[in-house]
């Protein structure tokens, strides 16, 4: 394979990110706590990283604006439609995996 240019690399990374966001949008049945327990990140993390990237480029963006980009709707609406109460086992797994200071 030929070495990718920085522009090609950026474009491929952007396409992969868009596909990840679309995949998570199609899998609203997967709860954020499950993502955190299995992968160590969730939709909120992606929104935070998106906002951090905007800040690095001096693009003003609120937490709610970043979340709406990732969730495809306002966060509170997504929670009302898709988020269920975490089970005791989900909460225990989250606590066990959480880094300690």
N, C-alpha and C. Protein backbone atom coordinates (compact mmCIF):
# COMPACT_ATOMS: atom_id res chain seq x y z
N UNK A 1 0.84 -1.18 0.00
CA UNK A 1 0.00 0.00 0.00
C UNK A 1 0.89 1.25 0.00
N UNK A 2 0.48 2.20 -0.77
CA UNK A 2 1.17 3.48 -0.84
C UNK A 2 0.91 4.26 0.43
N UNK A 3 1.90 5.02 0.88
CA UNK A 3 1.74 5.83 2.09
C UNK A 3 0.63 6.87 1.86
N UNK A 4 -0.25 6.99 2.83
CA UNK A 4 -1.34 7.94 2.74
C UNK A 4 -0.84 9.35 3.00
N UNK A 5 -1.40 10.29 2.28
CA UNK A 5 -1.10 11.69 2.57
C UNK A 5 -1.85 12.08 3.84
N UNK A 6 -1.45 13.17 4.43
CA UNK A 6 -2.15 13.64 5.63
C UNK A 6 -3.61 13.93 5.31
N UNK A 7 -3.89 14.47 4.14
CA UNK A 7 -5.27 14.76 3.75
C UNK A 7 -6.07 13.46 3.60
N UNK A 8 -5.48 12.46 2.97
CA UNK A 8 -6.17 11.17 2.82
C UNK A 8 -6.44 10.54 4.19
N UNK A 9 -5.43 10.58 5.05
CA UNK A 9 -5.58 10.02 6.40
C UNK A 9 -6.71 10.73 7.15
N UNK A 10 -6.73 12.06 7.08
CA UNK A 10 -7.79 12.84 7.74
C UNK A 10 -9.16 12.47 7.19
N UNK A 11 -9.26 12.36 5.85
CA UNK A 11 -10.54 12.04 5.24
C UNK A 11 -11.02 10.65 5.63
N UNK A 12 -10.11 9.69 5.69
CA UNK A 12 -10.49 8.33 6.09
C UNK A 12 -10.89 8.28 7.56
N UNK A 13 -10.15 8.98 8.40
CA UNK A 13 -10.51 9.04 9.82
C UNK A 13 -11.88 9.68 10.01
N UNK A 14 -12.14 10.75 9.27
CA UNK A 14 -13.44 11.41 9.35
C UNK A 14 -14.56 10.49 8.90
N UNK A 15 -14.33 9.72 7.82
CA UNK A 15 -15.34 8.79 7.34
C UNK A 15 -15.60 7.69 8.36
N UNK A 16 -14.53 7.19 8.98
CA UNK A 16 -14.69 6.15 10.00
C UNK A 16 -15.46 6.70 11.20
N UNK A 17 -15.16 7.93 11.60
CA UNK A 17 -15.87 8.55 12.71
C UNK A 17 -17.35 8.71 12.38
N UNK A 18 -17.65 9.19 11.17
CA UNK A 18 -19.06 9.35 10.78
C UNK A 18 -19.77 8.00 10.81
N UNK A 19 -19.08 6.96 10.37
CA UNK A 19 -19.70 5.62 10.38
C UNK A 19 -19.92 5.14 11.82
N UNK A 20 -18.98 5.41 12.71
CA UNK A 20 -19.15 5.04 14.12
C UNK A 20 -20.35 5.76 14.71
N UNK A 21 -20.46 7.06 14.47
CA UNK A 21 -21.59 7.83 15.01
C UNK A 21 -22.91 7.30 14.44
N UNK A 22 -22.93 6.99 13.13
CA UNK A 22 -24.14 6.44 12.52
C UNK A 22 -24.48 5.07 13.11
N UNK A 23 -23.47 4.25 13.33
CA UNK A 23 -23.68 2.93 13.91
C UNK A 23 -24.26 3.05 15.32
N UNK A 24 -23.69 3.94 16.13
CA UNK A 24 -24.22 4.14 17.48
C UNK A 24 -25.63 4.69 17.43
N UNK A 25 -25.92 5.54 16.43
CA UNK A 25 -27.27 6.06 16.28
C UNK A 25 -28.27 4.97 15.95
N UNK A 26 -27.83 3.99 15.17
CA UNK A 26 -28.71 2.88 14.81
C UNK A 26 -28.83 1.86 15.94
N UNK A 27 -27.95 1.92 16.91
CA UNK A 27 -27.95 0.97 18.02
C UNK A 27 -28.29 1.66 19.34
N UNK A 28 -29.40 2.37 19.33
CA UNK A 28 -29.85 3.06 20.55
C UNK A 28 -30.16 2.08 21.67
N UNK A 29 -30.31 0.80 21.32
CA UNK A 29 -30.55 -0.23 22.34
C UNK A 29 -29.30 -0.46 23.20
N UNK A 30 -28.15 -0.09 22.70
CA UNK A 30 -26.91 -0.25 23.46
C UNK A 30 -26.78 0.96 24.38
N UNK A 31 -26.82 0.69 25.66
CA UNK A 31 -26.78 1.75 26.66
C UNK A 31 -25.35 2.27 26.84
N UNK A 32 -25.23 3.53 27.22
CA UNK A 32 -23.91 4.12 27.46
C UNK A 32 -23.15 3.36 28.53
N UNK A 33 -23.83 2.91 29.57
CA UNK A 33 -23.12 2.19 30.63
C UNK A 33 -22.52 0.89 30.09
N UNK A 34 -23.21 0.25 29.14
CA UNK A 34 -22.65 -0.96 28.53
C UNK A 34 -21.39 -0.62 27.73
N UNK A 35 -21.45 0.48 26.98
CA UNK A 35 -20.26 0.92 26.24
C UNK A 35 -19.11 1.21 27.20
N UNK A 36 -19.40 1.90 28.29
CA UNK A 36 -18.36 2.23 29.27
C UNK A 36 -17.78 0.96 29.88
N UNK A 37 -18.65 0.02 30.22
CA UNK A 37 -18.17 -1.20 30.86
C UNK A 37 -17.34 -2.05 29.92
N UNK A 38 -17.68 -2.07 28.64
CA UNK A 38 -16.98 -2.92 27.69
C UNK A 38 -15.82 -2.23 26.98
N UNK A 39 -15.98 -0.95 26.68
CA UNK A 39 -14.98 -0.27 25.86
C UNK A 39 -14.28 0.89 26.55
N UNK A 40 -14.81 1.33 27.68
CA UNK A 40 -14.18 2.43 28.40
C UNK A 40 -14.51 3.80 27.84
N UNK A 41 -15.48 3.88 26.95
CA UNK A 41 -15.96 5.17 26.44
C UNK A 41 -17.41 5.00 26.03
N UNK A 42 -18.10 6.13 25.88
CA UNK A 42 -19.51 6.09 25.49
C UNK A 42 -19.81 7.27 24.57
N UNK A 43 -21.06 7.44 24.25
CA UNK A 43 -21.48 8.55 23.39
C UNK A 43 -21.11 9.90 24.00
N UNK A 44 -21.24 10.02 25.31
CA UNK A 44 -20.87 11.28 25.97
C UNK A 44 -19.37 11.55 25.83
N UNK A 45 -18.56 10.52 25.91
CA UNK A 45 -17.12 10.68 25.71
C UNK A 45 -16.85 11.19 24.30
N UNK A 46 -17.51 10.60 23.31
CA UNK A 46 -17.33 11.07 21.93
C UNK A 46 -17.71 12.53 21.80
N UNK A 47 -18.81 12.92 22.43
CA UNK A 47 -19.23 14.32 22.39
C UNK A 47 -18.19 15.22 23.05
N UNK A 48 -17.63 14.77 24.15
CA UNK A 48 -16.58 15.55 24.83
C UNK A 48 -15.35 15.68 23.94
N UNK A 49 -14.96 14.60 23.29
CA UNK A 49 -13.79 14.64 22.41
C UNK A 49 -14.05 15.56 21.21
N UNK A 50 -15.27 15.53 20.71
CA UNK A 50 -15.66 16.38 19.59
C UNK A 50 -15.56 17.85 20.01
N UNK A 51 -16.07 18.14 21.19
CA UNK A 51 -16.01 19.51 21.71
C UNK A 51 -14.57 19.94 21.96
N UNK A 52 -13.75 19.04 22.48
CA UNK A 52 -12.33 19.34 22.69
C UNK A 52 -11.65 19.69 21.37
N UNK A 53 -11.96 18.92 20.32
CA UNK A 53 -11.38 19.19 19.00
C UNK A 53 -11.83 20.56 18.49
N UNK A 54 -13.09 20.89 18.71
CA UNK A 54 -13.59 22.20 18.30
C UNK A 54 -12.83 23.30 19.04
N UNK A 55 -12.64 23.11 20.33
CA UNK A 55 -11.94 24.11 21.14
C UNK A 55 -10.50 24.30 20.65
N UNK A 56 -9.85 23.20 20.27
CA UNK A 56 -8.48 23.30 19.74
C UNK A 56 -8.42 24.15 18.48
N UNK A 57 -9.51 24.17 17.73
CA UNK A 57 -9.59 24.99 16.51
C UNK A 57 -10.31 26.31 16.75
N UNK A 58 -10.46 26.68 18.03
CA UNK A 58 -11.13 27.93 18.41
C UNK A 58 -12.55 28.03 17.85
N UNK A 59 -13.25 26.91 17.82
CA UNK A 59 -14.64 26.86 17.39
C UNK A 59 -15.49 26.76 18.65
N UNK A 60 -16.29 27.78 18.94
CA UNK A 60 -17.11 27.70 20.15
C UNK A 60 -18.20 26.64 20.01
N UNK A 61 -18.32 25.81 21.03
CA UNK A 61 -19.32 24.75 21.02
C UNK A 61 -19.66 24.40 22.46
N UNK A 62 -20.94 24.32 22.75
CA UNK A 62 -21.36 23.95 24.09
C UNK A 62 -21.40 22.42 24.21
N UNK A 63 -21.47 21.97 25.43
CA UNK A 63 -21.61 20.54 25.71
C UNK A 63 -22.87 20.00 25.04
N UNK A 64 -23.97 20.74 25.16
CA UNK A 64 -25.24 20.31 24.56
C UNK A 64 -25.15 20.25 23.03
N UNK A 65 -24.47 21.21 22.43
CA UNK A 65 -24.31 21.20 20.97
C UNK A 65 -23.51 19.98 20.51
N UNK A 66 -22.44 19.69 21.22
CA UNK A 66 -21.62 18.51 20.87
C UNK A 66 -22.43 17.23 21.05
N UNK A 67 -23.17 17.13 22.12
CA UNK A 67 -23.99 15.94 22.35
C UNK A 67 -25.04 15.77 21.26
N UNK A 68 -25.64 16.87 20.82
CA UNK A 68 -26.66 16.76 19.77
C UNK A 68 -26.06 16.25 18.47
N UNK A 69 -24.82 16.62 18.18
CA UNK A 69 -24.14 16.11 16.99
C UNK A 69 -23.95 14.60 17.10
N UNK A 70 -23.52 14.14 18.24
CA UNK A 70 -23.26 12.70 18.43
C UNK A 70 -24.55 11.90 18.54
N UNK A 71 -25.51 12.40 19.28
CA UNK A 71 -26.76 11.67 19.50
C UNK A 71 -27.76 11.82 18.37
N UNK A 72 -27.59 12.84 17.53
CA UNK A 72 -28.52 13.06 16.43
C UNK A 72 -29.81 13.73 16.87
N UNK A 73 -29.85 14.18 18.10
CA UNK A 73 -31.01 14.86 18.68
C UNK A 73 -30.55 15.43 20.02
N UNK A 74 -31.34 16.31 20.61
CA UNK A 74 -30.96 16.79 21.94
C UNK A 74 -30.80 15.62 22.92
N UNK A 75 -29.79 15.73 23.76
CA UNK A 75 -29.46 14.65 24.70
C UNK A 75 -30.64 14.26 25.57
N UNK A 76 -31.35 15.24 26.10
CA UNK A 76 -32.49 14.94 26.97
C UNK A 76 -33.56 14.16 26.22
N UNK A 77 -33.75 14.47 24.95
CA UNK A 77 -34.72 13.72 24.14
C UNK A 77 -34.24 12.28 23.94
N UNK A 78 -32.95 12.10 23.65
CA UNK A 78 -32.41 10.76 23.47
C UNK A 78 -32.58 9.95 24.76
N UNK A 79 -32.25 10.56 25.89
CA UNK A 79 -32.40 9.86 27.17
C UNK A 79 -33.85 9.43 27.39
N UNK A 80 -34.79 10.31 27.12
CA UNK A 80 -36.21 9.99 27.33
C UNK A 80 -36.66 8.85 26.41
N UNK A 81 -36.14 8.82 25.21
CA UNK A 81 -36.54 7.79 24.24
C UNK A 81 -35.83 6.45 24.44
N UNK A 82 -34.56 6.50 24.82
CA UNK A 82 -33.74 5.29 24.72
C UNK A 82 -33.05 4.82 26.00
N UNK A 83 -32.84 5.70 26.95
CA UNK A 83 -32.04 5.30 28.11
C UNK A 83 -32.91 4.62 29.15
N UNK A 84 -32.46 3.46 29.59
CA UNK A 84 -33.15 2.75 30.66
C UNK A 84 -32.32 2.84 31.94
N UNK A 85 -32.96 2.54 33.04
CA UNK A 85 -32.25 2.54 34.32
C UNK A 85 -31.20 1.43 34.31
N UNK A 86 -30.00 1.76 34.75
CA UNK A 86 -28.93 0.76 34.79
C UNK A 86 -29.25 -0.29 35.85
N UNK A 87 -28.95 -1.53 35.51
CA UNK A 87 -29.17 -2.63 36.46
C UNK A 87 -28.10 -2.60 37.54
N UNK A 88 -28.33 -3.33 38.58
CA UNK A 88 -27.34 -3.41 39.66
C UNK A 88 -26.04 -4.01 39.14
N UNK A 89 -26.12 -5.00 38.26
CA UNK A 89 -24.90 -5.61 37.73
C UNK A 89 -24.15 -4.64 36.82
N UNK A 90 -24.88 -3.83 36.05
CA UNK A 90 -24.22 -2.81 35.21
C UNK A 90 -23.52 -1.77 36.09
N UNK A 91 -24.18 -1.35 37.14
CA UNK A 91 -23.59 -0.37 38.06
C UNK A 91 -22.36 -0.94 38.75
N UNK A 92 -22.43 -2.19 39.17
CA UNK A 92 -21.30 -2.83 39.84
C UNK A 92 -20.12 -2.95 38.89
N UNK A 93 -20.36 -3.34 37.64
CA UNK A 93 -19.29 -3.45 36.65
C UNK A 93 -18.67 -2.09 36.38
N UNK A 94 -19.49 -1.05 36.32
CA UNK A 94 -18.98 0.31 36.11
C UNK A 94 -18.08 0.72 37.27
N UNK A 95 -18.54 0.50 38.49
CA UNK A 95 -17.74 0.86 39.66
C UNK A 95 -16.43 0.09 39.72
N UNK A 96 -16.48 -1.20 39.36
CA UNK A 96 -15.27 -2.03 39.40
C UNK A 96 -14.25 -1.58 38.36
N UNK A 97 -14.71 -1.08 37.23
CA UNK A 97 -13.81 -0.69 36.14
C UNK A 97 -13.33 0.75 36.27
N UNK A 98 -13.99 1.53 37.10
CA UNK A 98 -13.68 2.96 37.22
C UNK A 98 -12.30 3.16 37.83
N UNK A 99 -11.48 4.00 37.20
CA UNK A 99 -10.15 4.27 37.77
C UNK A 99 -10.26 4.94 39.13
N UNK A 100 -9.39 4.60 40.01
CA UNK A 100 -9.36 5.19 41.34
C UNK A 100 -8.25 6.23 41.39
N UNK A 101 -8.52 7.34 42.08
CA UNK A 101 -7.50 8.40 42.23
C UNK A 101 -6.54 8.06 43.34
